[in-house]
Structure formats: structure tokens, C-alpha cells
Amino acid sequence: MTPTATPFTHTSADGLTVTGRRNTPQTPAAAAQVPLVIAIHGGTYTSEYFDIPGYSLLERAAALGIPVIALDRPGYLGSTHVEPGESIILANAKALDRVIGELWQRHGEGHAGVFVIGHSIGGAVTTAIAAGQPSWPLLGIAVSGCLLQVPDGPRMAFDALPDILMIDLPGPMKDSVMFGPAWTHDTTMPELSHSSDTSVPRAELIDINNGWISRVREVNAQVTVPVHARQGEFDALWITDAAQAADYAASFTSAPVVDGRLVRNAGHCVDFHNAGAALQLSQLAFALEVSVAKDPS
């Protein structure tokens, strides 16, 4: 089986090229009640994360008539690198804010607005975009694989990485932290997910485990749109329990609606577990809900 979407490339007015993939809704729904969904992947994966056969967010959305554009973040595949500055996560957010605004102008006509789905580091980028109060019509966000505190072990391991631009994480090491116990996912995983594997900017691994956790509460508190947040029960990259998930949800103090909780029987990449279909349908349902709730006046 091959991925279900088509390749996508956009070059912004300021010269930033972003690659990715987009779906084609099978039966387009009434556009005025449907958002344009932008999907932002996490570290060590490409936009194909959202289009693995049998686990494809893009395919599920297409069946519901929802257009989705999954972007390769800066530095991934054909997308232009950005200078990390103080924080590569915030630099990603600034760059993608501009890109999404242009995508909205080009592809959003008649739709209710934009809904952004982000996983892991992409979830951090998503919240930073929302916190920046974008000029384009952001309806809400859905994040997964993000909490407030990281274990000392992974943080120290990432701090010790060689000082090079891009890092290739060994497959067994990556699978051990991205997936829960074997009974939480099909036997085709993790192998099936490896088509979306790629190298990761070292600056991202340092930032998410250091700078980001020092600013996450401040950033989350500036988000003023509805938030959907999910965290895998067996996520090894964060200190993960029901109390942490609740605390994370509570950190969105300015959001009008926050739907946050743990996902039982899943690891960090919830999408690739047996709970993945429920996660994606929940995210898409939330996106439709906030689109319908939008006041057209």
C-alpha cells in the first residue's frame, strides 16, 4: 500500500519553501461549515506521519469532506531551514504562521476558517502559532504528545548529542520511545511507520527538552481559541499521568474550551496505535464542532 495523498509544495512571498501532502475530499462537505485543516508533524517524522496507510488522518478527513494540508516543517525534506535563534520551536511558529496565512488565502475560500493539528514538537509549534494571535481565521487547535515536564533520562541524552545540524536517531531507540507496549498496536507497527522516518534538527531536540518546558505555561496561557489535547498513557518522552494531562489542559487559561485527557493504551505516537482511529476522529469532530460554532457575522 502507498500513501493516499498527493505531494504539495508552496513557496511563500518571502522565499520560504514548504513541502508536504494534501488530501482530496471524496465528497466535499458544505464549505461554510468545514475548516481547512493544517497538520504539523513532530520531530524525526515527515508530513507522511499523517498519511500512513491504515492510519491516515488525511484519508479519514477526506471521507468526511474535510480538506487537509500536512506540512513538512522547516528543515524537513524540501522545506527551507530556519535559523533557530532563541528557540527553533518559536522560529518554526513564526515561519509557519506566514505560510498558513498564504495557504488560507489560496485554498480557504468559502471555508469556515483554519484548524491546526500538531503532534509532539509539532504540537508545541501549533500552540506557539495560536499564542501569536495569527491574522488569519484560526478556529481552534488539536495537539497530542505534549505535556509540561520531561524525564531526566531523555533530556540528558539529547543534551549529549553531537553538535551537528541534523541527527539520525537509531531505529530501535526511536521505536522504544514512540510506541507503547506491543499489545497497544498492530503487529505491522512500528515497521509500517518507518516510511515517514527522517533526520531531525538537533536544535529541536534540545529546545523541546529545555527551553520549551520553561516557557510552555506562558505560551499556552496566550492561546485564545478552543483546544483539543490528548496524551498517550505510555508516552516515554514526557512525565505522563492523569494529573499531568489535567495540569496541561488547565494551563490554557485563556482558551474558551479545553478538551484534554489521557488516551489509554497508547504510546507517544497515538496515531499509530490501536487508539489512533479514535484519536483522529475525535480531532476531526472537534474541528467540525468549532467550525459550526463560528459566528458568521
C-alpha atoms as a PDB file:
ATOM      1  CA  MET A   1       0.000   0.000   0.000  1.00  0.00           C
ATOM      2  CA  THR A   2       1.112   3.566  -0.687  1.00  0.00           C
ATOM      3  CA  PRO A   3       0.233   6.875   0.963  1.00  0.00           C
ATOM      4  CA  THR A   4      -3.144   8.253  -0.093  1.00  0.00           C
ATOM      5  CA  ALA A   5      -2.431  11.954  -0.575  1.00  0.00           C
ATOM      6  CA  THR A   6      -0.719  13.985  -3.274  1.00  0.00           C
ATOM      7  CA  PRO A   7       2.555  15.927  -2.934  1.00  0.00           C
ATOM      8  CA  PHE A   8       2.310  19.598  -2.108  1.00  0.00           C
ATOM      9  CA  THR A   9       4.767  22.498  -2.434  1.00  0.00           C
ATOM     10  CA  HIS A  10       4.311  26.153  -1.552  1.00  0.00           C
ATOM     11  CA  THR A  11       6.834  28.990  -1.714  1.00  0.00           C
ATOM     12  CA  SER A  12       5.889  31.969   0.419  1.00  0.00           C
ATOM     13  CA  ALA A  13       6.203  35.602  -0.568  1.00  0.00           C
ATOM     14  CA  ASP A  14       9.385  35.894   1.497  1.00  0.00           C
ATOM     15  CA  GLY A  15      11.009  32.901  -0.229  1.00  0.00           C
ATOM     16  CA  LEU A  16      10.347  30.106   2.292  1.00  0.00           C
ATOM     17  CA  THR A  17       9.571  26.834   0.506  1.00  0.00           C
ATOM     18  CA  VAL A  18       7.388  24.306   2.325  1.00  0.00           C
ATOM     19  CA  THR A  19       6.669  20.809   1.034  1.00  0.00           C
ATOM     20  CA  GLY A  20       4.075  18.347   2.237  1.00  0.00           C
ATOM     21  CA  ARG A  21       0.994  16.476   1.097  1.00  0.00           C
ATOM     22  CA  ARG A  22      -2.707  17.194   0.778  1.00  0.00           C
ATOM     23  CA  ASN A  23      -5.846  15.113   0.510  1.00  0.00           C
ATOM     24  CA  THR A  24      -8.750  15.308  -1.907  1.00  0.00           C
ATOM     25  CA  PRO A  25     -12.115  15.123  -0.100  1.00  0.00           C
ATOM     26  CA  GLN A  26     -14.203  12.368  -1.633  1.00  0.00           C
ATOM     27  CA  THR A  27     -17.474  14.274  -1.298  1.00  0.00           C
ATOM     28  CA  PRO A  28     -16.783  17.886  -0.392  1.00  0.00           C
ATOM     29  CA  ALA A  29     -18.943  18.983   2.526  1.00  0.00           C
ATOM     30  CA  ALA A  30     -20.671  22.365   2.770  1.00  0.00           C
ATOM     31  CA  ALA A  31     -17.565  24.532   2.827  1.00  0.00           C
ATOM     32  CA  ALA A  32     -19.016  27.181   5.130  1.00  0.00           C
ATOM     33  CA  GLN A  33     -19.242  24.605   7.938  1.00  0.00           C
ATOM     34  CA  VAL A  34     -15.877  22.913   7.303  1.00  0.00           C
ATOM     35  CA  PRO A  35     -12.400  24.173   8.161  1.00  0.00           C
ATOM     36  CA  LEU A  36      -9.207  23.999   6.175  1.00  0.00           C
ATOM     37  CA  VAL A  37      -7.088  21.721   8.375  1.00  0.00           C
ATOM     38  CA  ILE A  38      -3.330  22.181   8.596  1.00  0.00           C
ATOM     39  CA  ALA A  39      -1.379  19.248  10.104  1.00  0.00           C
ATOM     40  CA  ILE A  40       2.087  19.754  11.640  1.00  0.00           C
ATOM     41  CA  HIS A  41       4.261  16.697  12.334  1.00  0.00           C
ATOM     42  CA  GLY A  42       6.661  16.067  15.198  1.00  0.00           C
ATOM     43  CA  GLY A  43      10.404  15.522  15.334  1.00  0.00           C
ATOM     44  CA  THR A  44      12.050  12.712  13.320  1.00  0.00           C
ATOM     45  CA  TYR A  45       8.962  12.332  11.085  1.00  0.00           C
ATOM     46  CA  THR A  46       7.857  13.960   7.831  1.00  0.00           C
ATOM     47  CA  SER A  47       4.365  15.018   6.784  1.00  0.00           C
ATOM     48  CA  GLU A  48       3.818  11.371   5.811  1.00  0.00           C
ATOM     49  CA  TYR A  49       3.231  10.807   9.538  1.00  0.00           C
ATOM     50  CA  PHE A  50      -0.359  11.865   8.813  1.00  0.00           C
ATOM     51  CA  ASP A  51      -0.746   9.579   5.789  1.00  0.00           C
ATOM     52  CA  ILE A  52       0.447   6.098   6.728  1.00  0.00           C
ATOM     53  CA  PRO A  53      -1.909   3.589   5.041  1.00  0.00           C
ATOM     54  CA  GLY A  54      -4.485   2.375   7.531  1.00  0.00           C
ATOM     55  CA  TYR A  55      -3.566   5.184   9.954  1.00  0.00           C
ATOM     56  CA  SER A  56      -4.065   8.181   7.687  1.00  0.00           C
ATOM     57  CA  LEU A  57      -5.588  11.354   9.113  1.00  0.00           C
ATOM     58  CA  LEU A  58      -5.742  12.685   5.564  1.00  0.00           C
ATOM     59  CA  GLU A  59      -7.750   9.695   4.371  1.00  0.00           C
ATOM     60  CA  ARG A  60     -10.178   9.853   7.311  1.00  0.00           C
ATOM     61  CA  ALA A  61     -10.678  13.563   6.740  1.00  0.00           C
ATOM     62  CA  ALA A  62     -11.221  13.069   3.000  1.00  0.00           C
ATOM     63  CA  ALA A  63     -14.041  10.629   3.766  1.00  0.00           C
ATOM     64  CA  LEU A  64     -15.692  13.383   5.842  1.00  0.00           C
ATOM     65  CA  GLY A  65     -15.237  16.037   3.166  1.00  0.00           C
ATOM     66  CA  ILE A  66     -12.552  17.899   5.124  1.00  0.00           C
ATOM     67  CA  PRO A  67      -9.524  19.295   3.258  1.00  0.00           C
ATOM     68  CA  VAL A  68      -6.165  18.743   4.989  1.00  0.00           C
ATOM     69  CA  ILE A  69      -2.731  20.045   4.102  1.00  0.00           C
ATOM     70  CA  ALA A  70       0.078  18.310   6.040  1.00  0.00           C
ATOM     71  CA  LEU A  71       3.252  20.386   6.011  1.00  0.00           C
ATOM     72  CA  ASP A  72       6.895  19.359   6.258  1.00  0.00           C
ATOM     73  CA  ARG A  73       8.200  21.706   8.922  1.00  0.00           C
ATOM     74  CA  PRO A  74      11.248  23.892   8.202  1.00  0.00           C
ATOM     75  CA  GLY A  75      14.354  21.736   7.745  1.00  0.00           C
ATOM     76  CA  TYR A  76      12.398  18.615   6.747  1.00  0.00           C
ATOM     77  CA  LEU A  77      12.528  17.164   3.221  1.00  0.00           C
ATOM     78  CA  GLY A  78      12.095  20.058   0.770  1.00  0.00           C
ATOM     79  CA  SER A  79      11.174  22.693   3.344  1.00  0.00           C
ATOM     80  CA  THR A  80      13.622  25.530   3.898  1.00  0.00           C
ATOM     81  CA  HIS A  81      15.635  25.557   7.119  1.00  0.00           C
ATOM     82  CA  VAL A  82      15.065  28.450   9.515  1.00  0.00           C
ATOM     83  CA  GLU A  83      17.600  29.903  11.901  1.00  0.00           C
ATOM     84  CA  PRO A  84      16.806  28.684  15.425  1.00  0.00           C
ATOM     85  CA  GLY A  85      17.594  31.927  17.228  1.00  0.00           C
ATOM     86  CA  GLU A  86      16.453  31.773  20.855  1.00  0.00           C
ATOM     87  CA  SER A  87      14.067  28.889  20.118  1.00  0.00           C
ATOM     88  CA  ILE A  88      13.686  26.798  16.970  1.00  0.00           C
ATOM     89  CA  ILE A  89      10.120  25.994  18.054  1.00  0.00           C
ATOM     90  CA  LEU A  90       9.229  29.688  18.107  1.00  0.00           C
ATOM     91  CA  ALA A  91      11.117  30.178  14.817  1.00  0.00           C
ATOM     92  CA  ASN A  92       9.021  27.363  13.267  1.00  0.00           C
ATOM     93  CA  ALA A  93       5.857  29.012  14.565  1.00  0.00           C
ATOM     94  CA  LYS A  94       6.768  32.404  13.109  1.00  0.00           C
ATOM     95  CA  ALA A  95       7.617  30.927   9.703  1.00  0.00           C
ATOM     96  CA  LEU A  96       4.562  28.665   9.507  1.00  0.00           C
ATOM     97  CA  ASP A  97       2.244  31.459  10.648  1.00  0.00           C
ATOM     98  CA  ARG A  98       3.150  33.319   7.450  1.00  0.00           C
ATOM     99  CA  VAL A  99       2.854  30.181   5.316  1.00  0.00           C
ATOM    100  CA  ILE A 100      -0.551  29.196   6.712  1.00  0.00           C
ATOM    101  CA  GLY A 101      -1.829  32.720   6.107  1.00  0.00           C
ATOM    102  CA  GLU A 102      -0.909  32.384   2.440  1.00  0.00           C
ATOM    103  CA  LEU A 103      -2.411  28.887   2.224  1.00  0.00           C
ATOM    104  CA  TRP A 104      -5.626  30.256   3.681  1.00  0.00           C
ATOM    105  CA  GLN A 105      -5.720  32.958   1.000  1.00  0.00           C
ATOM    106  CA  ARG A 106      -5.099  30.399  -1.744  1.00  0.00           C
ATOM    107  CA  HIS A 107      -7.093  27.365  -0.565  1.00  0.00           C
ATOM    108  CA  GLY A 108      -9.525  28.536   2.110  1.00  0.00           C
ATOM    109  CA  GLU A 109     -12.154  30.354   0.097  1.00  0.00           C
ATOM    110  CA  GLY A 110     -15.636  29.606   1.437  1.00  0.00           C
ATOM    111  CA  HIS A 111     -14.396  27.579   4.401  1.00  0.00           C
ATOM    112  CA  ALA A 112     -15.167  28.444   8.000  1.00  0.00           C
ATOM    113  CA  GLY A 113     -11.537  29.112   8.914  1.00  0.00           C
ATOM    114  CA  VAL A 114      -8.358  27.199   9.759  1.00  0.00           C
ATOM    115  CA  PHE A 115      -7.947  24.391  12.272  1.00  0.00           C
ATOM    116  CA  VAL A 116      -4.406  23.252  13.122  1.00  0.00           C
ATOM    117  CA  ILE A 117      -3.465  19.755  14.300  1.00  0.00           C
ATOM    118  CA  GLY A 118       0.027  19.256  15.723  1.00  0.00           C
ATOM    119  CA  HIS A 119       1.864  16.262  17.126  1.00  0.00           C
ATOM    120  CA  SER A 120       4.776  16.332  19.610  1.00  0.00           C
ATOM    121  CA  ILE A 121       7.199  19.133  18.639  1.00  0.00           C
ATOM    122  CA  GLY A 122       4.607  19.999  16.016  1.00  0.00           C
ATOM    123  CA  GLY A 123       2.121  20.358  18.869  1.00  0.00           C
ATOM    124  CA  ALA A 124       4.429  22.828  20.583  1.00  0.00           C
ATOM    125  CA  VAL A 125       4.747  24.739  17.302  1.00  0.00           C
ATOM    126  CA  THR A 126       0.961  24.692  16.955  1.00  0.00           C
ATOM    127  CA  THR A 127       0.378  26.210  20.397  1.00  0.00           C
ATOM    128  CA  ALA A 128       3.021  28.861  19.686  1.00  0.00           C
ATOM    129  CA  ILE A 129       1.259  29.756  16.424  1.00  0.00           C
ATOM    130  CA  ALA A 130      -2.043  30.080  18.262  1.00  0.00           C
ATOM    131  CA  ALA A 131      -0.462  32.111  21.067  1.00  0.00           C
ATOM    132  CA  GLY A 132       0.784  34.596  18.462  1.00  0.00           C
ATOM    133  CA  GLN A 133      -2.807  35.560  17.588  1.00  0.00           C
ATOM    134  CA  PRO A 134      -2.480  34.998  13.810  1.00  0.00           C
ATOM    135  CA  SER A 135      -4.126  37.401  11.374  1.00  0.00           C
ATOM    136  CA  TRP A 136      -5.812  34.550   9.503  1.00  0.00           C
ATOM    137  CA  PRO A 137      -9.010  32.995  10.991  1.00  0.00           C
ATOM    138  CA  LEU A 138      -7.805  30.321  13.424  1.00  0.00           C
ATOM    139  CA  LEU A 139     -10.806  28.345  14.717  1.00  0.00           C
ATOM    140  CA  GLY A 140      -9.006  26.019  17.137  1.00  0.00           C
ATOM    141  CA  ILE A 141      -6.129  23.602  17.627  1.00  0.00           C
ATOM    142  CA  ALA A 142      -5.601  19.936  18.465  1.00  0.00           C
ATOM    143  CA  VAL A 143      -2.316  18.793  19.993  1.00  0.00           C
ATOM    144  CA  SER A 144      -1.000  15.402  21.038  1.00  0.00           C
ATOM    145  CA  GLY A 145       2.280  14.219  22.506  1.00  0.00           C
ATOM    146  CA  CYS A 146       2.849  17.401  24.537  1.00  0.00           C
ATOM    147  CA  LEU A 147       2.884  17.906  28.285  1.00  0.00           C
ATOM    148  CA  LEU A 148       4.732  20.008  30.854  1.00  0.00           C
ATOM    149  CA  GLN A 149       7.677  18.013  32.188  1.00  0.00           C
ATOM    150  CA  VAL A 150      10.224  15.656  30.639  1.00  0.00           C
ATOM    151  CA  PRO A 151      12.078  12.802  32.375  1.00  0.00           C
ATOM    152  CA  ASP A 152      15.727  13.451  33.234  1.00  0.00           C
ATOM    153  CA  GLY A 153      16.962  10.452  31.214  1.00  0.00           C
ATOM    154  CA  PRO A 154      15.829  11.523  27.711  1.00  0.00           C
ATOM    155  CA  ARG A 155      16.649  15.175  28.419  1.00  0.00           C
ATOM    156  CA  MET A 156      20.231  14.357  29.387  1.00  0.00           C
ATOM    157  CA  ALA A 157      20.612  12.028  26.395  1.00  0.00           C
ATOM    158  CA  PHE A 158      19.508  14.731  23.970  1.00  0.00           C
ATOM    159  CA  ASP A 159      21.784  17.291  25.645  1.00  0.00           C
ATOM    160  CA  ALA A 160      24.717  14.956  24.939  1.00  0.00           C
ATOM    161  CA  LEU A 161      24.032  14.699  21.178  1.00  0.00           C
ATOM    162  CA  PRO A 162      26.920  15.702  18.874  1.00  0.00           C
ATOM    163  CA  ASP A 163      26.915  19.343  17.795  1.00  0.00           C
ATOM    164  CA  ILE A 164      25.765  18.801  14.198  1.00  0.00           C
ATOM    165  CA  LEU A 165      22.802  20.240  12.295  1.00  0.00           C
ATOM    166  CA  MET A 166      20.789  17.051  11.731  1.00  0.00           C
ATOM    167  CA  ILE A 167      20.522  13.922  13.884  1.00  0.00           C
ATOM    168  CA  ASP A 168      19.529  10.413  12.779  1.00  0.00           C
ATOM    169  CA  LEU A 169      18.089   8.549  15.745  1.00  0.00           C
ATOM    170  CA  PRO A 170      18.720   4.768  15.663  1.00  0.00           C
ATOM    171  CA  GLY A 171      15.536   2.891  14.747  1.00  0.00           C
ATOM    172  CA  PRO A 172      15.320   0.706  17.868  1.00  0.00           C
ATOM    173  CA  MET A 173      15.911   3.717  20.134  1.00  0.00           C
ATOM    174  CA  LYS A 174      13.238   5.721  18.342  1.00  0.00           C
ATOM    175  CA  ASP A 175      10.670   2.926  18.394  1.00  0.00           C
ATOM    176  CA  SER A 176      11.248   2.357  22.117  1.00  0.00           C
ATOM    177  CA  VAL A 177      10.087   5.882  22.974  1.00  0.00           C
ATOM    178  CA  MET A 178       7.488   6.427  20.244  1.00  0.00           C
ATOM    179  CA  PHE A 179       5.454   3.267  20.884  1.00  0.00           C
ATOM    180  CA  GLY A 180       3.706   1.719  23.851  1.00  0.00           C
ATOM    181  CA  PRO A 181       3.706  -1.989  24.753  1.00  0.00           C
ATOM    182  CA  ALA A 182       3.314  -4.428  21.851  1.00  0.00           C
ATOM    183  CA  TRP A 183      -0.317  -5.133  22.723  1.00  0.00           C
ATOM    184  CA  THR A 184      -1.237  -1.455  22.210  1.00  0.00           C
ATOM    185  CA  HIS A 185      -0.585  -1.524  18.456  1.00  0.00           C
ATOM    186  CA  ASP A 186      -0.906  -3.838  15.472  1.00  0.00           C
ATOM    187  CA  THR A 187       1.913  -6.191  14.539  1.00  0.00           C
ATOM    188  CA  THR A 188       2.521  -4.094  11.401  1.00  0.00           C
ATOM    189  CA  MET A 189       3.792  -1.338  13.696  1.00  0.00           C
ATOM    190  CA  PRO A 190       6.332   0.152  14.255  1.00  0.00           C
ATOM    191  CA  GLU A 191       7.637  -1.116  10.877  1.00  0.00           C
ATOM    192  CA  LEU A 192       4.850   0.486   8.842  1.00  0.00           C
ATOM    193  CA  SER A 193       5.586   3.909  10.321  1.00  0.00           C
ATOM    194  CA  HIS A 194       9.222   3.880   9.191  1.00  0.00           C
ATOM    195  CA  SER A 195       8.396   5.265   5.739  1.00  0.00           C
ATOM    196  CA  SER A 196       7.854   8.610   7.482  1.00  0.00           C
ATOM    197  CA  ASP A 197      11.159   8.492   9.401  1.00  0.00           C
ATOM    198  CA  THR A 198      13.769  11.153   8.763  1.00  0.00           C
ATOM    199  CA  SER A 199      16.578  13.042  10.470  1.00  0.00           C
ATOM    200  CA  VAL A 200      15.728  15.787  12.963  1.00  0.00           C
ATOM    201  CA  PRO A 201      17.368  19.171  13.579  1.00  0.00           C
ATOM    202  CA  ARG A 202      19.443  18.828  16.755  1.00  0.00           C
ATOM    203  CA  ALA A 203      18.184  22.243  17.893  1.00  0.00           C
ATOM    204  CA  GLU A 204      14.626  20.850  18.116  1.00  0.00           C
ATOM    205  CA  LEU A 205      15.600  18.048  20.486  1.00  0.00           C
ATOM    206  CA  ILE A 206      17.479  20.491  22.712  1.00  0.00           C
ATOM    207  CA  ASP A 207      14.676  23.074  22.664  1.00  0.00           C
ATOM    208  CA  ILE A 208      11.742  20.766  23.424  1.00  0.00           C
ATOM    209  CA  ASN A 209      13.585  19.276  26.411  1.00  0.00           C
ATOM    210  CA  ASN A 210      14.924  22.544  27.827  1.00  0.00           C
ATOM    211  CA  GLY A 211      13.760  25.939  26.565  1.00  0.00           C
ATOM    212  CA  TRP A 212      10.248  24.860  25.679  1.00  0.00           C
ATOM    213  CA  ILE A 213       9.403  23.376  29.073  1.00  0.00           C
ATOM    214  CA  SER A 214      10.489  26.639  30.692  1.00  0.00           C
ATOM    215  CA  ARG A 215       8.056  28.654  28.555  1.00  0.00           C
ATOM    216  CA  VAL A 216       5.200  26.231  27.820  1.00  0.00           C
ATOM    217  CA  ARG A 217       2.846  27.560  30.521  1.00  0.00           C
ATOM    218  CA  GLU A 218       3.373  31.145  29.383  1.00  0.00           C
ATOM    219  CA  VAL A 219       2.737  30.209  25.746  1.00  0.00           C
ATOM    220  CA  ASN A 220      -0.331  28.086  26.495  1.00  0.00           C
ATOM    221  CA  ALA A 221      -1.851  30.876  28.570  1.00  0.00           C
ATOM    222  CA  GLN A 222      -1.882  33.117  25.471  1.00  0.00           C
ATOM    223  CA  VAL A 223      -3.986  30.724  23.381  1.00  0.00           C
ATOM    224  CA  THR A 224      -7.487  32.171  22.974  1.00  0.00           C
ATOM    225  CA  VAL A 225      -9.105  29.554  20.707  1.00  0.00           C
ATOM    226  CA  PRO A 226     -10.619  26.140  21.597  1.00  0.00           C
ATOM    227  CA  VAL A 227      -8.061  23.446  22.406  1.00  0.00           C
ATOM    228  CA  HIS A 228      -8.215  19.657  21.994  1.00  0.00           C
ATOM    229  CA  ALA A 229      -5.335  17.900  23.803  1.00  0.00           C
ATOM    230  CA  ARG A 230      -4.509  14.201  24.017  1.00  0.00           C
ATOM    231  CA  GLN A 231      -1.599  12.306  25.545  1.00  0.00           C
ATOM    232  CA  GLY A 232      -0.756   8.619  25.240  1.00  0.00           C
ATOM    233  CA  GLU A 233      -0.804   6.742  28.533  1.00  0.00           C
ATOM    234  CA  PHE A 234       2.557   5.097  27.788  1.00  0.00           C
ATOM    235  CA  ASP A 235       4.343   8.168  26.418  1.00  0.00           C
ATOM    236  CA  ALA A 236       8.014   7.763  27.384  1.00  0.00           C
ATOM    237  CA  LEU A 237       9.081  11.244  26.285  1.00  0.00           C
ATOM    238  CA  TRP A 238       7.083  13.124  28.929  1.00  0.00           C
ATOM    239  CA  ILE A 239       6.272  12.609  32.595  1.00  0.00           C
ATOM    240  CA  THR A 240       2.857  11.210  31.834  1.00  0.00           C
ATOM    241  CA  ASP A 241      -0.101  10.568  34.121  1.00  0.00           C
ATOM    242  CA  ALA A 242      -3.673  11.807  34.534  1.00  0.00           C
ATOM    243  CA  ALA A 243      -2.589  14.640  36.841  1.00  0.00           C
ATOM    244  CA  GLN A 244      -0.036  15.917  34.314  1.00  0.00           C
ATOM    245  CA  ALA A 245      -2.602  15.740  31.494  1.00  0.00           C
ATOM    246  CA  ALA A 246      -5.093  17.687  33.602  1.00  0.00           C
ATOM    247  CA  ASP A 247      -2.451  20.268  34.551  1.00  0.00           C
ATOM    248  CA  TYR A 248      -1.522  20.689  30.898  1.00  0.00           C
ATOM    249  CA  ALA A 249      -5.147  21.262  29.932  1.00  0.00           C
ATOM    250  CA  ALA A 250      -5.543  23.748  32.794  1.00  0.00           C
ATOM    251  CA  SER A 251      -2.563  25.756  31.509  1.00  0.00           C
ATOM    252  CA  PHE A 252      -4.714  27.041  28.621  1.00  0.00           C
ATOM    253  CA  THR A 253      -6.183  29.685  30.903  1.00  0.00           C
ATOM    254  CA  SER A 254      -7.462  31.956  28.113  1.00  0.00           C
ATOM    255  CA  ALA A 255      -8.979  29.285  25.861  1.00  0.00           C
ATOM    256  CA  PRO A 256     -12.804  29.297  25.784  1.00  0.00           C
ATOM    257  CA  VAL A 257     -12.953  25.478  25.584  1.00  0.00           C
ATOM    258  CA  VAL A 258     -10.336  22.883  26.534  1.00  0.00           C
ATOM    259  CA  ASP A 259     -10.937  19.174  25.931  1.00  0.00           C
ATOM    260  CA  GLY A 260      -7.897  17.408  27.358  1.00  0.00           C
ATOM    261  CA  ARG A 261      -7.176  13.936  28.703  1.00  0.00           C
ATOM    262  CA  LEU A 262      -5.008  10.840  28.535  1.00  0.00           C
ATOM    263  CA  VAL A 263      -5.529   8.259  25.810  1.00  0.00           C
ATOM    264  CA  ARG A 264      -5.432   4.834  27.408  1.00  0.00           C
ATOM    265  CA  ASN A 265      -3.440   2.017  25.824  1.00  0.00           C
ATOM    266  CA  ALA A 266      -1.261   4.179  23.569  1.00  0.00           C
ATOM    267  CA  GLY A 267       2.291   5.466  23.402  1.00  0.00           C
ATOM    268  CA  HIS A 268       3.711   8.793  22.217  1.00  0.00           C
ATOM    269  CA  CYS A 269       2.566   8.403  18.585  1.00  0.00           C
ATOM    270  CA  VAL A 270      -1.066   7.763  19.444  1.00  0.00           C
ATOM    271  CA  ASP A 271      -1.959   7.863  15.733  1.00  0.00           C
ATOM    272  CA  PHE A 272      -0.038   4.612  15.150  1.00  0.00           C
ATOM    273  CA  HIS A 273      -1.682   2.652  17.965  1.00  0.00           C
ATOM    274  CA  ASN A 274      -4.991   0.806  18.180  1.00  0.00           C
ATOM    275  CA  ALA A 275      -6.394   4.020  19.661  1.00  0.00           C
ATOM    276  CA  GLY A 276      -5.305   6.026  16.607  1.00  0.00           C
ATOM    277  CA  ALA A 277      -8.618   5.955  14.743  1.00  0.00           C
ATOM    278  CA  ALA A 278     -10.470   7.215  17.811  1.00  0.00           C
ATOM    279  CA  LEU A 279      -7.903   9.996  18.285  1.00  0.00           C
ATOM    280  CA  GLN A 280      -8.129  11.212  14.708  1.00  0.00           C
ATOM    281  CA  LEU A 281     -11.913  11.069  14.565  1.00  0.00           C
ATOM    282  CA  SER A 282     -12.050  12.974  17.857  1.00  0.00           C
ATOM    283  CA  GLN A 283      -9.736  15.661  16.479  1.00  0.00           C
ATOM    284  CA  LEU A 284     -11.770  15.986  13.281  1.00  0.00           C
ATOM    285  CA  ALA A 285     -15.054  16.065  15.199  1.00  0.00           C
ATOM    286  CA  PHE A 286     -13.676  18.863  17.388  1.00  0.00           C
ATOM    287  CA  ALA A 287     -12.587  20.734  14.254  1.00  0.00           C
ATOM    288  CA  LEU A 288     -16.092  20.436  12.800  1.00  0.00           C
ATOM    289  CA  GLU A 289     -17.660  21.468  16.094  1.00  0.00           C
ATOM    290  CA  VAL A 290     -15.708  24.720  16.348  1.00  0.00           C
ATOM    291  CA  SER A 291     -16.391  25.422  12.671  1.00  0.00           C
ATOM    292  CA  VAL A 292     -20.138  25.148  13.162  1.00  0.00           C
ATOM    293  CA  ALA A 293     -19.921  27.265  16.317  1.00  0.00           C
ATOM    294  CA  LYS A 294     -18.259  30.133  14.454  1.00  0.00           C
ATOM    295  CA  ASP A 295     -20.412  33.269  14.254  1.00  0.00           C
ATOM    296  CA  PRO A 296     -20.584  34.164  10.541  1.00  0.00           C
ATOM    297  CA  SER A 297     -21.183  37.821  11.388  1.00  0.00           C
END
